C-alpha atoms as a PDB file:
ATOM      1  CA  MET A   1     124.421 142.310  97.896  1.00  0.00           C
ATOM      2  CA  SER A   2     123.502 139.473 100.344  1.00  0.00           C
ATOM      3  CA  HIS A   3     126.092 138.300 102.781  1.00  0.00           C
ATOM      4  CA  PRO A   4     127.806 134.872 102.346  1.00  0.00           C
ATOM      5  CA  ASP A   5     125.735 133.271 105.349  1.00  0.00           C
ATOM      6  CA  GLY A   6     122.544 134.541 104.030  1.00  0.00           C
ATOM      7  CA  ALA A   7     119.287 133.187 102.779  1.00  0.00           C
ATOM      8  CA  LEU A   8     120.840 131.775  99.492  1.00  0.00           C
ATOM      9  CA  LYS A   9     123.398 129.975 101.427  1.00  0.00           C
ATOM     10  CA  GLU A  10     120.669 128.543 103.489  1.00  0.00           C
ATOM     11  CA  LEU A  11     118.835 127.475 100.426  1.00  0.00           C
ATOM     12  CA  HIS A  12     122.000 125.979  98.902  1.00  0.00           C
ATOM     13  CA  GLN A  13     122.269 123.934 102.445  1.00  0.00           C
ATOM     14  CA  GLU A  14     118.904 122.620 101.940  1.00  0.00           C
ATOM     15  CA  HIS A  15     119.650 121.613  98.461  1.00  0.00           C
ATOM     16  CA  GLU A  16     122.561 119.519  99.930  1.00  0.00           C
ATOM     17  CA  VAL A  17     120.459 117.714 102.233  1.00  0.00           C
ATOM     18  CA  ALA A  18     117.868 117.114  99.473  1.00  0.00           C
ATOM     19  CA  LYS A  19     120.700 115.719  97.184  1.00  0.00           C
ATOM     20  CA  ARG A  20     121.879 113.290  99.794  1.00  0.00           C
ATOM     21  CA  LEU A  21     118.241 111.948 100.008  1.00  0.00           C
ATOM     22  CA  LEU A  22     117.921 111.853  96.491  1.00  0.00           C
ATOM     23  CA  GLU A  23     121.017 109.939  96.022  1.00  0.00           C
ATOM     24  CA  ARG A  24     119.794 107.167  98.615  1.00  0.00           C
ATOM     25  CA  LEU A  25     116.523 106.991  96.944  1.00  0.00           C
ATOM     26  CA  GLU A  26     118.384 106.409  93.613  1.00  0.00           C
ATOM     27  CA  GLU A  27     120.445 103.870  95.308  1.00  0.00           C
ATOM     28  CA  ILE A  28     117.385 102.115  96.586  1.00  0.00           C
ATOM     29  CA  GLY A  29     115.783 102.360  93.097  1.00  0.00           C
ATOM     30  CA  HIS A  30     118.735 100.482  91.768  1.00  0.00           C
ATOM     31  CA  ARG A  31     118.516  97.906  94.641  1.00  0.00           C
ATOM     32  CA  ILE A  32     114.827  97.275  93.737  1.00  0.00           C
ATOM     33  CA  LYS A  33     115.794  97.071  89.866  1.00  0.00           C
ATOM     34  CA  SER A  34     118.556  94.306  90.781  1.00  0.00           C
ATOM     35  CA  GLY A  35     115.938  92.255  92.612  1.00  0.00           C
ATOM     36  CA  GLU A  36     117.251  92.928  96.011  1.00  0.00           C
ATOM     37  CA  ARG A  37     114.437  92.764  98.781  1.00  0.00           C
ATOM     38  CA  VAL A  38     113.475  96.212  99.684  1.00  0.00           C
ATOM     39  CA  ASP A  39     110.827  97.106 102.054  1.00  0.00           C
ATOM     40  CA  ALA A  40     108.163  99.194 100.380  1.00  0.00           C
ATOM     41  CA  LYS A  41     107.044 100.936 103.654  1.00  0.00           C
ATOM     42  CA  THR A  42     110.838 102.053 103.951  1.00  0.00           C
ATOM     43  CA  VAL A  43     110.589 103.414 100.425  1.00  0.00           C
ATOM     44  CA  ARG A  44     107.345 105.072 101.010  1.00  0.00           C
ATOM     45  CA  PHE A  45     108.685 106.685 104.294  1.00  0.00           C
ATOM     46  CA  GLY A  46     111.910 107.986 102.191  1.00  0.00           C
ATOM     47  CA  VAL A  47     109.890 109.351  99.320  1.00  0.00           C
ATOM     48  CA  GLY A  48     107.464 110.885 101.934  1.00  0.00           C
ATOM     49  CA  LEU A  49     110.352 112.685 103.420  1.00  0.00           C
ATOM     50  CA  LEU A  50     111.311 113.998 100.032  1.00  0.00           C
ATOM     51  CA  GLU A  51     107.809 115.349  99.352  1.00  0.00           C
ATOM     52  CA  ALA A  52     107.563 117.044 102.910  1.00  0.00           C
ATOM     53  CA  TYR A  53     111.002 118.597 102.986  1.00  0.00           C
ATOM     54  CA  VAL A  54     111.821 119.287  99.458  1.00  0.00           C
ATOM     55  CA  HIS A  55     108.586 120.070  97.849  1.00  0.00           C
ATOM     56  CA  ARG A  56     106.282 121.323 100.647  1.00  0.00           C
ATOM     57  CA  VAL A  57     108.795 123.209 102.984  1.00  0.00           C
ATOM     58  CA  HIS A  58     111.751 124.081 100.874  1.00  0.00           C
ATOM     59  CA  ALA A  59     110.223 124.781  97.210  1.00  0.00           C
ATOM     60  CA  PHE A  60     106.699 125.887  98.045  1.00  0.00           C
ATOM     61  CA  GLN A  61     107.230 127.794 101.347  1.00  0.00           C
ATOM     62  CA  MET A  62     110.804 128.966 101.078  1.00  0.00           C
ATOM     63  CA  GLU A  63     111.398 129.562  97.365  1.00  0.00           C
ATOM     64  CA  ASP A  64     108.081 129.972  95.875  1.00  0.00           C
ATOM     65  CA  ARG A  65     106.440 131.948  98.361  1.00  0.00           C
ATOM     66  CA  GLU A  66     109.262 133.572 100.574  1.00  0.00           C
ATOM     67  CA  LEU A  67     112.084 134.078  98.026  1.00  0.00           C
ATOM     68  CA  ARG A  68     109.755 134.904  95.071  1.00  0.00           C
ATOM     69  CA  SER A  69     107.890 137.491  97.190  1.00  0.00           C
ATOM     70  CA  GLU A  70     111.232 139.153  98.167  1.00  0.00           C
ATOM     71  CA  ALA A  71     112.584 138.940  94.610  1.00  0.00           C
ATOM     72  CA  GLN A  72     109.452 140.474  92.977  1.00  0.00           C
ATOM     73  CA  GLY A  73     110.619 144.064  93.895  1.00  0.00           C
ATOM     74  CA  ILE A  74     114.105 143.677  92.190  1.00  0.00           C
ATOM     75  CA  ALA A  75     113.571 141.147  89.496  1.00  0.00           C
ATOM     76  CA  ALA A  76     114.450 141.921  86.042  1.00  0.00           C
ATOM     77  CA  PRO A  77     112.255 140.299  83.363  1.00  0.00           C
ATOM     78  CA  THR A  78     114.837 137.579  82.951  1.00  0.00           C
ATOM     79  CA  LEU A  79     114.827 136.735  86.615  1.00  0.00           C
ATOM     80  CA  VAL A  80     111.098 136.692  86.677  1.00  0.00           C
ATOM     81  CA  GLU A  81     111.128 134.098  83.986  1.00  0.00           C
ATOM     82  CA  HIS A  82     113.630 131.961  85.964  1.00  0.00           C
ATOM     83  CA  LEU A  83     111.566 132.290  89.025  1.00  0.00           C
ATOM     84  CA  ASP A  84     108.328 131.240  87.008  1.00  0.00           C
ATOM     85  CA  ARG A  85     110.477 128.361  85.705  1.00  0.00           C
ATOM     86  CA  MET A  86     111.298 127.402  89.251  1.00  0.00           C
ATOM     87  CA  GLY A  87     107.707 127.363  90.132  1.00  0.00           C
ATOM     88  CA  THR A  88     106.794 125.207  87.206  1.00  0.00           C
ATOM     89  CA  ASN A  89     109.667 122.764  88.151  1.00  0.00           C
ATOM     90  CA  HIS A  90     108.683 122.501  91.662  1.00  0.00           C
ATOM     91  CA  ALA A  91     104.989 121.871  90.721  1.00  0.00           C
ATOM     92  CA  GLU A  92     106.168 119.132  88.392  1.00  0.00           C
ATOM     93  CA  MET A  93     108.587 117.672  91.077  1.00  0.00           C
ATOM     94  CA  SER A  94     105.773 117.395  93.561  1.00  0.00           C
ATOM     95  CA  ARG A  95     103.344 115.871  90.948  1.00  0.00           C
ATOM     96  CA  ARG A  96     105.777 113.049  89.992  1.00  0.00           C
ATOM     97  CA  THR A  97     106.490 112.305  93.641  1.00  0.00           C
ATOM     98  CA  GLN A  98     102.583 112.085  94.473  1.00  0.00           C
ATOM     99  CA  GLY A  99     102.460 109.798  91.595  1.00  0.00           C
ATOM    100  CA  LEU A 100     105.331 107.744  92.826  1.00  0.00           C
ATOM    101  CA  LEU A 101     103.837 107.551  96.289  1.00  0.00           C
ATOM    102  CA  HIS A 102     100.702 106.405  94.946  1.00  0.00           C
ATOM    103  CA  LEU A 103     102.588 103.473  93.111  1.00  0.00           C
ATOM    104  CA  ILE A 104     104.596 102.760  96.342  1.00  0.00           C
ATOM    105  CA  GLY A 105     101.353 102.378  98.229  1.00  0.00           C
ATOM    106  CA  ARG A 106      99.890  99.826  95.644  1.00  0.00           C
ATOM    107  CA  TRP A 107     103.410  98.038  96.022  1.00  0.00           C
ATOM    108  CA  ALA A 108     103.222  98.282  99.855  1.00  0.00           C
ATOM    109  CA  SER A 109      99.606  96.727  99.691  1.00  0.00           C
ATOM    110  CA  GLY A 110     100.990  93.691  97.946  1.00  0.00           C
ATOM    111  CA  ASP A 111     100.719  94.586  94.159  1.00  0.00           C
ATOM    112  CA  GLU A 112     104.240  93.344  93.116  1.00  0.00           C
ATOM    113  CA  SER A 113     103.568  94.343  89.569  1.00  0.00           C
ATOM    114  CA  CYS A 114     104.404  97.917  90.777  1.00  0.00           C
ATOM    115  CA  ARG A 115     107.928  96.899  92.065  1.00  0.00           C
ATOM    116  CA  ALA A 116     109.938  97.564  88.836  1.00  0.00           C
ATOM    117  CA  ALA A 117     108.024 100.959  88.196  1.00  0.00           C
ATOM    118  CA  VAL A 118     108.958 102.044  91.616  1.00  0.00           C
ATOM    119  CA  GLY A 119     112.490 101.363  91.017  1.00  0.00           C
ATOM    120  CA  ASP A 120     112.545 103.276  87.773  1.00  0.00           C
ATOM    121  CA  GLY A 121     110.641 106.147  89.446  1.00  0.00           C
ATOM    122  CA  LEU A 122     113.104 106.436  92.083  1.00  0.00           C
ATOM    123  CA  ILE A 123     115.935 106.525  89.689  1.00  0.00           C
ATOM    124  CA  ASP A 124     114.008 108.970  87.334  1.00  0.00           C
ATOM    125  CA  LEU A 125     113.162 111.241  90.331  1.00  0.00           C
ATOM    126  CA  GLU A 126     116.833 111.835  91.491  1.00  0.00           C
ATOM    127  CA  SER A 127     117.787 112.720  87.857  1.00  0.00           C
ATOM    128  CA  MET A 128     114.909 115.093  87.315  1.00  0.00           C
ATOM    129  CA  ASP A 129     115.275 116.820  90.770  1.00  0.00           C
ATOM    130  CA  HIS A 130     119.039 117.163  90.232  1.00  0.00           C
ATOM    131  CA  ASP A 131     118.398 118.896  86.936  1.00  0.00           C
ATOM    132  CA  ALA A 132     115.860 121.461  88.584  1.00  0.00           C
ATOM    133  CA  VAL A 133     118.332 122.087  91.475  1.00  0.00           C
ATOM    134  CA  THR A 134     121.152 122.921  89.090  1.00  0.00           C
ATOM    135  CA  PHE A 135     118.887 125.110  87.057  1.00  0.00           C
ATOM    136  CA  GLU A 136     117.969 127.054  90.389  1.00  0.00           C
ATOM    137  CA  GLU A 137     121.545 127.479  91.655  1.00  0.00           C
ATOM    138  CA  THR A 138     122.910 128.266  88.213  1.00  0.00           C
ATOM    139  CA  TYR A 139     120.363 131.028  87.098  1.00  0.00           C
ATOM    140  CA  PRO A 140     117.766 132.507  89.632  1.00  0.00           C
ATOM    141  CA  HIS A 141     119.794 132.026  92.787  1.00  0.00           C
ATOM    142  CA  MET A 142     122.992 133.368  91.185  1.00  0.00           C
ATOM    143  CA  SER A 143     121.195 136.245  89.846  1.00  0.00           C
ATOM    144  CA  LEU A 144     119.846 137.097  93.278  1.00  0.00           C
ATOM    145  CA  GLU A 145     123.138 136.819  94.831  1.00  0.00           C
ATOM    146  CA  SER A 146     124.284 139.884  92.923  1.00  0.00           C
ATOM    147  CA  THR A 147     121.077 141.786  93.308  1.00  0.00           C
ATOM    148  CA  LEU A 148     119.484 141.042  96.850  1.00  0.00           C
ATOM    149  CA  SER A 149     120.264 143.860  99.265  1.00  0.00           C
ATOM    150  CA  GLU A 150     121.469 143.023 102.643  1.00  0.00           C
ATOM    151  CA  ASP A 151     118.251 144.329 104.064  1.00  0.00           C
ATOM    152  CA  ALA A 152     116.111 141.953 101.685  1.00  0.00           C
ATOM    153  CA  ASP A 153     118.442 139.000 102.697  1.00  0.00           C
ATOM    154  CA  HIS A 154     117.798 139.845 106.289  1.00  0.00           C
ATOM    155  CA  ARG A 155     113.974 139.847 105.712  1.00  0.00           C
ATOM    156  CA  LEU A 156     114.286 136.391 103.879  1.00  0.00           C
ATOM    157  CA  LEU A 157     116.172 134.993 106.809  1.00  0.00           C
ATOM    158  CA  ASN A 158     113.578 136.192 109.166  1.00  0.00           C
ATOM    159  CA  ARG A 159     110.794 134.643 107.057  1.00  0.00           C
ATOM    160  CA  PHE A 160     112.962 131.438 106.843  1.00  0.00           C
ATOM    161  CA  ALA A 161     113.178 131.263 110.587  1.00  0.00           C
ATOM    162  CA  ASP A 162     109.509 130.625 110.727  1.00  0.00           C
ATOM    163  CA  HIS A 163     110.293 127.175 109.054  1.00  0.00           C
ATOM    164  CA  VAL A 164     113.223 126.332 111.172  1.00  0.00           C
ATOM    165  CA  GLY A 165     111.351 123.899 113.513  1.00  0.00           C
ATOM    166  CA  THR A 166     109.502 121.817 110.553  1.00  0.00           C
ATOM    167  CA  ARG A 167     112.964 121.854 108.696  1.00  0.00           C
ATOM    168  CA  GLY A 168     114.942 120.704 111.689  1.00  0.00           C
ATOM    169  CA  ALA A 169     112.495 117.806 112.477  1.00  0.00           C
ATOM    170  CA  LEU A 170     112.538 116.722 108.776  1.00  0.00           C
ATOM    171  CA  GLU A 171     116.155 117.027 108.559  1.00  0.00           C
ATOM    172  CA  ALA A 172     116.538 114.779 111.730  1.00  0.00           C
ATOM    173  CA  ASN A 173     114.187 112.153 110.141  1.00  0.00           C
ATOM    174  CA  ILE A 174     116.246 112.340 106.847  1.00  0.00           C
ATOM    175  CA  GLU A 175     119.351 111.745 108.780  1.00  0.00           C
ATOM    176  CA  ARG A 176     117.762 108.745 110.598  1.00  0.00           C
ATOM    177  CA  PHE A 177     116.434 107.424 107.170  1.00  0.00           C
ATOM    178  CA  LEU A 178     119.849 107.796 105.477  1.00  0.00           C
ATOM    179  CA  SER A 179     121.540 105.833 108.671  1.00  0.00           C
ATOM    180  CA  ARG A 180     119.077 103.268 108.625  1.00  0.00           C
ATOM    181  CA  THR A 181     119.028 102.455 104.756  1.00  0.00           C
ATOM    182  CA  ALA A 182     122.893 102.604 104.156  1.00  0.00           C
ATOM    183  CA  ARG A 183     124.583  99.578 102.983  1.00  0.00           C
ATOM    184  CA  ILE A 184     126.779  98.196 105.489  1.00  0.00           C
END
């Protein structure tokens, strides 16, 4: 069984960072919808951080590649189905985020007709990503907590260490974004 400060705990901590970012993006979405002046470039930066941190590093690199490859050897058929669903969810989350980035780009270039859709997109993004994370932590991660050996957990932590520099830089940028966009 994996140890309490292991790879799955690290993934959970990343989910917490993502949750805070998503909540702020949702808040900004509501600000946009209420007619408050919001800088499109700031929104684009926040959504870009989400795409980089959550979808590129956390989901694609650490969960879909590293975690999945380690879990393949121990996975029961149900767990394989859960891992497949995780991968599908990650691809859909990234697709939606890319679409939202495109829309924000149009808005940042002066197309005000995109403003309301960006607000709606930010609100929807939080809800959909929240559902995907809840699924991950309820099914595949929980199943792996009971089946992942200490050796497998150690191997995963070593693989995750390859991403520590990128994650650290993105987390620092997320903290700055959260600080700059907080309501006073």
